C-alpha atoms as a PDB file:
ATOM      1  CA  MET A   1      -0.566  24.016 -10.606  1.00  0.00           C
ATOM      2  CA  ARG A   2       3.209  24.234 -10.238  1.00  0.00           C
ATOM      3  CA  ASP A   3       6.116  21.920 -10.994  1.00  0.00           C
ATOM      4  CA  CYS A   4       6.366  19.175  -8.407  1.00  0.00           C
ATOM      5  CA  ARG A   5       8.437  16.061  -7.853  1.00  0.00           C
ATOM      6  CA  VAL A   6       6.604  12.796  -7.216  1.00  0.00           C
ATOM      7  CA  ALA A   7       8.092   9.748  -5.487  1.00  0.00           C
ATOM      8  CA  LEU A   8       6.575   6.375  -6.459  1.00  0.00           C
ATOM      9  CA  ALA A   9       6.710   4.138  -3.390  1.00  0.00           C
ATOM     10  CA  GLN A  10       7.012   0.688  -4.944  1.00  0.00           C
ATOM     11  CA  ILE A  11       6.826  -1.113  -1.605  1.00  0.00           C
ATOM     12  CA  ASP A  12       5.989  -4.720  -0.751  1.00  0.00           C
ATOM     13  CA  PRO A  13       3.626  -4.525   2.247  1.00  0.00           C
ATOM     14  CA  ALA A  14       3.307  -7.437   4.671  1.00  0.00           C
ATOM     15  CA  LEU A  15      -0.182  -8.911   4.382  1.00  0.00           C
ATOM     16  CA  GLY A  16      -2.281  -7.995   7.407  1.00  0.00           C
ATOM     17  CA  ASP A  17       0.542  -6.364   9.402  1.00  0.00           C
ATOM     18  CA  ILE A  18      -0.516  -2.733   9.736  1.00  0.00           C
ATOM     19  CA  ARG A  19       2.137  -1.853  12.338  1.00  0.00           C
ATOM     20  CA  SER A  20       4.973  -3.100  10.132  1.00  0.00           C
ATOM     21  CA  ASN A  21       3.477  -1.476   7.057  1.00  0.00           C
ATOM     22  CA  LEU A  22       3.015   1.858   8.835  1.00  0.00           C
ATOM     23  CA  ASP A  23       6.684   1.810   9.847  1.00  0.00           C
ATOM     24  CA  LEU A  24       7.580   1.083   6.210  1.00  0.00           C
ATOM     25  CA  HIS A  25       5.439   4.012   5.081  1.00  0.00           C
ATOM     26  CA  LEU A  26       7.063   6.384   7.559  1.00  0.00           C
ATOM     27  CA  ARG A  27      10.562   5.319   6.486  1.00  0.00           C
ATOM     28  CA  THR A  28       9.635   5.671   2.820  1.00  0.00           C
ATOM     29  CA  ILE A  29       8.131   9.103   3.400  1.00  0.00           C
ATOM     30  CA  GLU A  30      11.345  10.209   5.083  1.00  0.00           C
ATOM     31  CA  SER A  31      13.399   8.892   2.149  1.00  0.00           C
ATOM     32  CA  ALA A  32      11.144  10.696  -0.322  1.00  0.00           C
ATOM     33  CA  ARG A  33      11.421  13.901   1.684  1.00  0.00           C
ATOM     34  CA  ALA A  34      15.212  13.612   1.753  1.00  0.00           C
ATOM     35  CA  ALA A  35      15.210  13.106  -2.024  1.00  0.00           C
ATOM     36  CA  GLY A  36      13.328  16.369  -2.507  1.00  0.00           C
ATOM     37  CA  ALA A  37       9.916  14.913  -3.382  1.00  0.00           C
ATOM     38  CA  ASP A  38       6.785  17.015  -2.964  1.00  0.00           C
ATOM     39  CA  ILE A  39       4.404  14.037  -3.086  1.00  0.00           C
ATOM     40  CA  VAL A  40       4.895  10.341  -2.296  1.00  0.00           C
ATOM     41  CA  VAL A  41       2.367   7.867  -3.701  1.00  0.00           C
ATOM     42  CA  PHE A  42       1.871   4.344  -2.314  1.00  0.00           C
ATOM     43  CA  PRO A  43       0.056   1.401  -3.963  1.00  0.00           C
ATOM     44  CA  GLU A  44      -3.500   0.215  -3.460  1.00  0.00           C
ATOM     45  CA  LEU A  45      -4.159  -1.109   0.074  1.00  0.00           C
ATOM     46  CA  SER A  46      -0.561  -0.274   0.932  1.00  0.00           C
ATOM     47  CA  LEU A  47      -1.190  -0.235   4.692  1.00  0.00           C
ATOM     48  CA  THR A  48      -2.706  -3.723   4.799  1.00  0.00           C
ATOM     49  CA  GLY A  49      -1.577  -5.657   1.743  1.00  0.00           C
ATOM     50  CA  TYR A  50      -3.998  -6.643  -0.980  1.00  0.00           C
ATOM     51  CA  VAL A  51      -5.586 -10.127  -0.679  1.00  0.00           C
ATOM     52  CA  LEU A  52      -7.114  -9.636   2.767  1.00  0.00           C
ATOM     53  CA  ARG A  53     -10.216 -11.834   2.537  1.00  0.00           C
ATOM     54  CA  ASP A  54     -11.505 -12.515   6.074  1.00  0.00           C
ATOM     55  CA  GLN A  55      -9.008 -10.098   7.643  1.00  0.00           C
ATOM     56  CA  VAL A  56     -10.851  -7.038   6.352  1.00  0.00           C
ATOM     57  CA  ALA A  57     -13.128  -6.650   9.385  1.00  0.00           C
ATOM     58  CA  ASP A  58     -10.163  -6.886  11.756  1.00  0.00           C
ATOM     59  CA  LEU A  59      -7.904  -4.477   9.838  1.00  0.00           C
ATOM     60  CA  ALA A  60     -10.331  -1.797   8.641  1.00  0.00           C
ATOM     61  CA  GLU A  61     -10.116   1.541  10.465  1.00  0.00           C
ATOM     62  CA  PRO A  62     -12.323   4.655  10.405  1.00  0.00           C
ATOM     63  CA  LEU A  63     -10.944   7.883   8.983  1.00  0.00           C
ATOM     64  CA  ASP A  64     -10.182   9.134  12.497  1.00  0.00           C
ATOM     65  CA  GLY A  65      -8.275   5.954  13.386  1.00  0.00           C
ATOM     66  CA  PRO A  66      -4.691   5.906  14.693  1.00  0.00           C
ATOM     67  CA  THR A  67      -2.979   4.747  11.488  1.00  0.00           C
ATOM     68  CA  LEU A  68      -4.157   7.605   9.293  1.00  0.00           C
ATOM     69  CA  ALA A  69      -3.449  10.003  12.160  1.00  0.00           C
ATOM     70  CA  ARG A  70       0.202   8.906  12.171  1.00  0.00           C
ATOM     71  CA  LEU A  71       0.398   9.264   8.391  1.00  0.00           C
ATOM     72  CA  ALA A  72      -1.230  12.689   8.483  1.00  0.00           C
ATOM     73  CA  ASP A  73       1.346  13.820  11.032  1.00  0.00           C
ATOM     74  CA  ALA A  74       4.102  12.662   8.664  1.00  0.00           C
ATOM     75  CA  ALA A  75       2.457  14.580   5.811  1.00  0.00           C
ATOM     76  CA  ARG A  76       3.135  18.068   7.138  1.00  0.00           C
ATOM     77  CA  ASP A  77       5.753  19.098   4.589  1.00  0.00           C
ATOM     78  CA  ILE A  78       5.223  16.407   1.953  1.00  0.00           C
ATOM     79  CA  ASP A  79       1.926  15.184   0.491  1.00  0.00           C
ATOM     80  CA  VAL A  80       1.074  11.470   0.780  1.00  0.00           C
ATOM     81  CA  VAL A  81      -1.293   9.157  -1.099  1.00  0.00           C
ATOM     82  CA  ALA A  82      -1.805   5.839   0.728  1.00  0.00           C
ATOM     83  CA  GLY A  83      -4.187   2.898   0.479  1.00  0.00           C
ATOM     84  CA  PHE A  84      -6.081   1.378   3.393  1.00  0.00           C
ATOM     85  CA  ALA A  85      -9.152  -0.640   4.363  1.00  0.00           C
ATOM     86  CA  GLU A  86     -11.753   1.811   5.643  1.00  0.00           C
ATOM     87  CA  ASP A  87     -14.405   1.046   8.222  1.00  0.00           C
ATOM     88  CA  GLY A  88     -16.932   3.412   6.713  1.00  0.00           C
ATOM     89  CA  PRO A  89     -20.477   4.579   7.411  1.00  0.00           C
ATOM     90  CA  GLY A  90     -22.746   1.772   8.568  1.00  0.00           C
ATOM     91  CA  HIS A  91     -19.655  -0.397   9.128  1.00  0.00           C
ATOM     92  CA  ARG A  92     -19.313  -0.975   5.423  1.00  0.00           C
ATOM     93  CA  TYR A  93     -15.740  -1.726   4.442  1.00  0.00           C
ATOM     94  CA  PHE A  94     -14.101   0.100   1.545  1.00  0.00           C
ATOM     95  CA  ASN A  95     -10.922  -0.294  -0.478  1.00  0.00           C
ATOM     96  CA  ALA A  96      -9.903   3.329   0.048  1.00  0.00           C
ATOM     97  CA  SER A  97      -7.081   5.724  -0.773  1.00  0.00           C
ATOM     98  CA  ALA A  98      -6.379   8.920   1.140  1.00  0.00           C
ATOM     99  CA  TYR A  99      -4.610  12.097   0.054  1.00  0.00           C
ATOM    100  CA  LEU A 100      -2.931  13.655   3.085  1.00  0.00           C
ATOM    101  CA  ALA A 101      -1.260  17.064   3.300  1.00  0.00           C
ATOM    102  CA  ASP A 102      -0.466  19.717   5.907  1.00  0.00           C
ATOM    103  CA  GLY A 103      -1.160  17.242   8.703  1.00  0.00           C
ATOM    104  CA  ALA A 104      -4.709  16.415   7.597  1.00  0.00           C
ATOM    105  CA  ILE A 105      -6.781  14.185   5.312  1.00  0.00           C
ATOM    106  CA  VAL A 106      -7.578  16.228   2.213  1.00  0.00           C
ATOM    107  CA  HIS A 107      -9.587  13.635   0.290  1.00  0.00           C
ATOM    108  CA  VAL A 108     -10.630   9.975   0.460  1.00  0.00           C
ATOM    109  CA  HIS A 109     -11.510   7.925  -2.614  1.00  0.00           C
ATOM    110  CA  ARG A 110     -13.460   4.694  -2.203  1.00  0.00           C
ATOM    111  CA  LYS A 111     -12.842   2.277  -5.058  1.00  0.00           C
ATOM    112  CA  ALA A 112     -15.968   2.192  -7.201  1.00  0.00           C
ATOM    113  CA  TYR A 113     -15.302  -0.734  -9.534  1.00  0.00           C
ATOM    114  CA  LEU A 114     -14.497  -3.921  -7.625  1.00  0.00           C
ATOM    115  CA  PRO A 115     -13.160  -6.742  -9.822  1.00  0.00           C
ATOM    116  CA  ASP A 116     -14.884 -10.090  -9.317  1.00  0.00           C
ATOM    117  CA  TYR A 117     -13.398 -12.149 -12.126  1.00  0.00           C
ATOM    118  CA  GLY A 118     -10.476 -14.527 -12.460  1.00  0.00           C
ATOM    119  CA  LEU A 119      -8.382 -14.395  -9.306  1.00  0.00           C
ATOM    120  CA  PHE A 120     -10.188 -11.314  -7.945  1.00  0.00           C
ATOM    121  CA  GLU A 121     -12.925 -11.399  -5.295  1.00  0.00           C
ATOM    122  CA  GLU A 122     -13.076  -7.799  -4.076  1.00  0.00           C
ATOM    123  CA  GLY A 123     -16.864  -7.696  -4.071  1.00  0.00           C
ATOM    124  CA  ARG A 124     -16.777 -10.433  -1.441  1.00  0.00           C
ATOM    125  CA  ASP A 125     -14.853  -8.249   0.990  1.00  0.00           C
ATOM    126  CA  PHE A 126     -15.595  -4.605   0.179  1.00  0.00           C
ATOM    127  CA  ALA A 127     -18.510  -2.291  -0.526  1.00  0.00           C
ATOM    128  CA  ARG A 128     -18.450  -0.216  -3.689  1.00  0.00           C
ATOM    129  CA  GLY A 129     -17.702   3.473  -3.518  1.00  0.00           C
ATOM    130  CA  ASP A 130     -20.338   5.637  -5.190  1.00  0.00           C
ATOM    131  CA  VAL A 131     -18.671   9.033  -5.570  1.00  0.00           C
ATOM    132  CA  LEU A 132     -16.107  10.253  -8.100  1.00  0.00           C
ATOM    133  CA  ARG A 133     -14.839  13.776  -7.561  1.00  0.00           C
ATOM    134  CA  ALA A 134     -11.721  15.853  -7.935  1.00  0.00           C
ATOM    135  CA  PHE A 135     -10.166  17.812  -5.081  1.00  0.00           C
ATOM    136  CA  ALA A 136      -7.896  20.811  -4.670  1.00  0.00           C
ATOM    137  CA  THR A 137      -4.275  20.601  -3.463  1.00  0.00           C
ATOM    138  CA  SER A 138      -1.704  23.325  -2.949  1.00  0.00           C
ATOM    139  CA  THR A 139       1.012  21.086  -4.416  1.00  0.00           C
ATOM    140  CA  ALA A 140      -0.329  19.616  -7.650  1.00  0.00           C
ATOM    141  CA  GLY A 141      -3.420  21.668  -8.440  1.00  0.00           C
ATOM    142  CA  ARG A 142      -6.740  19.889  -8.782  1.00  0.00           C
ATOM    143  CA  CYS A 143      -6.393  16.097  -8.575  1.00  0.00           C
ATOM    144  CA  GLY A 144      -8.380  12.894  -8.709  1.00  0.00           C
ATOM    145  CA  ILE A 145      -7.804   9.306  -7.560  1.00  0.00           C
ATOM    146  CA  ALA A 146      -8.794   6.216  -9.540  1.00  0.00           C
ATOM    147  CA  THR A 147      -7.859   2.923  -7.895  1.00  0.00           C
ATOM    148  CA  CYS A 148      -6.687   0.145 -10.231  1.00  0.00           C
ATOM    149  CA  GLU A 149      -9.883  -1.317 -11.780  1.00  0.00           C
ATOM    150  CA  ASP A 150     -11.500   2.136 -11.667  1.00  0.00           C
ATOM    151  CA  LEU A 151      -9.271   3.251 -14.535  1.00  0.00           C
ATOM    152  CA  TRP A 152     -10.386   0.362 -16.770  1.00  0.00           C
ATOM    153  CA  HIS A 153     -13.800   2.047 -16.954  1.00  0.00           C
ATOM    154  CA  ALA A 154     -13.342   5.066 -19.206  1.00  0.00           C
ATOM    155  CA  THR A 155     -16.037   7.141 -17.526  1.00  0.00           C
ATOM    156  CA  THR A 156     -14.009   7.274 -14.296  1.00  0.00           C
ATOM    157  CA  ALA A 157     -11.186   9.356 -15.747  1.00  0.00           C
ATOM    158  CA  TRP A 158     -13.656  11.367 -17.822  1.00  0.00           C
ATOM    159  CA  ILE A 159     -15.742  12.339 -14.776  1.00  0.00           C
ATOM    160  CA  LEU A 160     -12.640  13.321 -12.783  1.00  0.00           C
ATOM    161  CA  ALA A 161     -11.276  15.349 -15.706  1.00  0.00           C
ATOM    162  CA  GLN A 162     -14.660  17.061 -16.168  1.00  0.00           C
ATOM    163  CA  ASP A 163     -14.517  17.929 -12.472  1.00  0.00           C
ATOM    164  CA  GLY A 164     -11.275  19.772 -13.174  1.00  0.00           C
ATOM    165  CA  ALA A 165      -8.582  17.226 -12.319  1.00  0.00           C
ATOM    166  CA  ASP A 166      -5.148  18.132 -13.713  1.00  0.00           C
ATOM    167  CA  VAL A 167      -3.522  15.033 -12.194  1.00  0.00           C
ATOM    168  CA  LEU A 168      -4.898  11.507 -11.781  1.00  0.00           C
ATOM    169  CA  PHE A 169      -3.299   9.314  -9.129  1.00  0.00           C
ATOM    170  CA  VAL A 170      -3.733   5.603  -9.881  1.00  0.00           C
ATOM    171  CA  PRO A 171      -2.704   3.354  -6.968  1.00  0.00           C
ATOM    172  CA  SER A 172      -2.842  -0.303  -7.974  1.00  0.00           C
ATOM    173  CA  SER A 173      -2.068  -3.821  -6.809  1.00  0.00           C
ATOM    174  CA  GLY A 174      -2.542  -5.513 -10.156  1.00  0.00           C
ATOM    175  CA  PRO A 175      -0.689  -8.814 -10.599  1.00  0.00           C
ATOM    176  CA  SER A 176       1.852  -9.475 -13.332  1.00  0.00           C
ATOM    177  CA  ARG A 177       0.345 -11.808 -15.909  1.00  0.00           C
ATOM    178  CA  GLY A 178       1.095 -13.092 -19.393  1.00  0.00           C
ATOM    179  CA  ALA A 179       4.810 -13.802 -18.905  1.00  0.00           C
ATOM    180  CA  ARG A 180       6.921 -13.553 -22.055  1.00  0.00           C
ATOM    181  CA  ASP A 181      10.496 -14.653 -22.517  1.00  0.00           C
ATOM    182  CA  ASP A 182      11.476 -11.609 -24.560  1.00  0.00           C
ATOM    183  CA  SER A 183       9.663  -8.668 -22.979  1.00  0.00           C
ATOM    184  CA  GLY A 184       8.418  -9.664 -19.518  1.00  0.00           C
ATOM    185  CA  PRO A 185       4.801  -9.818 -18.333  1.00  0.00           C
ATOM    186  CA  GLY A 186       2.291  -8.692 -20.937  1.00  0.00           C
ATOM    187  CA  SER A 187       0.142  -6.974 -18.308  1.00  0.00           C
ATOM    188  CA  ILE A 188       2.836  -4.308 -17.822  1.00  0.00           C
ATOM    189  CA  GLU A 189       2.627  -3.072 -21.401  1.00  0.00           C
ATOM    190  CA  VAL A 190      -1.168  -3.212 -21.338  1.00  0.00           C
ATOM    191  CA  TRP A 191      -1.155  -0.958 -18.276  1.00  0.00           C
ATOM    192  CA  ARG A 192       1.266   1.450 -19.956  1.00  0.00           C
ATOM    193  CA  GLU A 193      -1.009   1.689 -22.984  1.00  0.00           C
ATOM    194  CA  LEU A 194      -4.038   2.369 -20.790  1.00  0.00           C
ATOM    195  CA  LEU A 195      -2.205   5.060 -18.817  1.00  0.00           C
ATOM    196  CA  ARG A 196      -0.911   6.786 -21.975  1.00  0.00           C
ATOM    197  CA  MET A 197      -4.362   6.680 -23.570  1.00  0.00           C
ATOM    198  CA  THR A 198      -5.990   8.115 -20.448  1.00  0.00           C
ATOM    199  CA  ALA A 199      -3.470  10.946 -20.227  1.00  0.00           C
ATOM    200  CA  ARG A 200      -3.949  11.852 -23.887  1.00  0.00           C
ATOM    201  CA  PHE A 201      -7.736  11.568 -24.041  1.00  0.00           C
ATOM    202  CA  GLN A 202      -8.375  13.451 -20.784  1.00  0.00           C
ATOM    203  CA  THR A 203      -5.411  15.856 -21.121  1.00  0.00           C
ATOM    204  CA  THR A 204      -4.230  15.083 -17.598  1.00  0.00           C
ATOM    205  CA  TYR A 205      -1.059  13.909 -15.957  1.00  0.00           C
ATOM    206  CA  VAL A 206      -1.355  10.308 -14.750  1.00  0.00           C
ATOM    207  CA  VAL A 207       0.689   9.000 -11.809  1.00  0.00           C
ATOM    208  CA  TYR A 208       0.628   5.218 -11.482  1.00  0.00           C
ATOM    209  CA  VAL A 209       2.166   3.127  -8.703  1.00  0.00           C
ATOM    210  CA  ASN A 210       1.900  -0.629  -8.212  1.00  0.00           C
END
């Protein structure tokens, strides 16, 4: 592992508009590259927007689809983490995140813990991922991806750390909740506490983007 500079792409994707969102990704990647970043990390489902519901079947693409191919081409001299709806094996749909580098897909993580409480209905639209593993990069050493709700289950980070992850990327699309007049939404501080605790307990760097 070496020192690297990470750009957090705090974008606001247009729901269901992959073409517009891909253009936004490409522009953001170029800005991150110009700023000297080695890695640019986008939020959960950044290529589609989050609350897709019945649009999932229309927007999901396989790993060899055109959208990831364009992103991989842009990731030749800067690494990219991006979220997308995957049309996976058996035409099961996954809330997925890809790590792209050197013009190729290095790793794909399929979200394992799908929230189905309160305002969330991910289990209605997506299949659960069933693999947690770290992966090697030339930029940031050995890494792992835990998507939003995944990190709220302590075994996720533990398994990735035990598999050698030095860095955990946590793309999220969590809503702001618990508004306070004095300090803003309470959910922000709760997330910060979780991220700090994870970093300390697993002795890893944690990169969060929402």
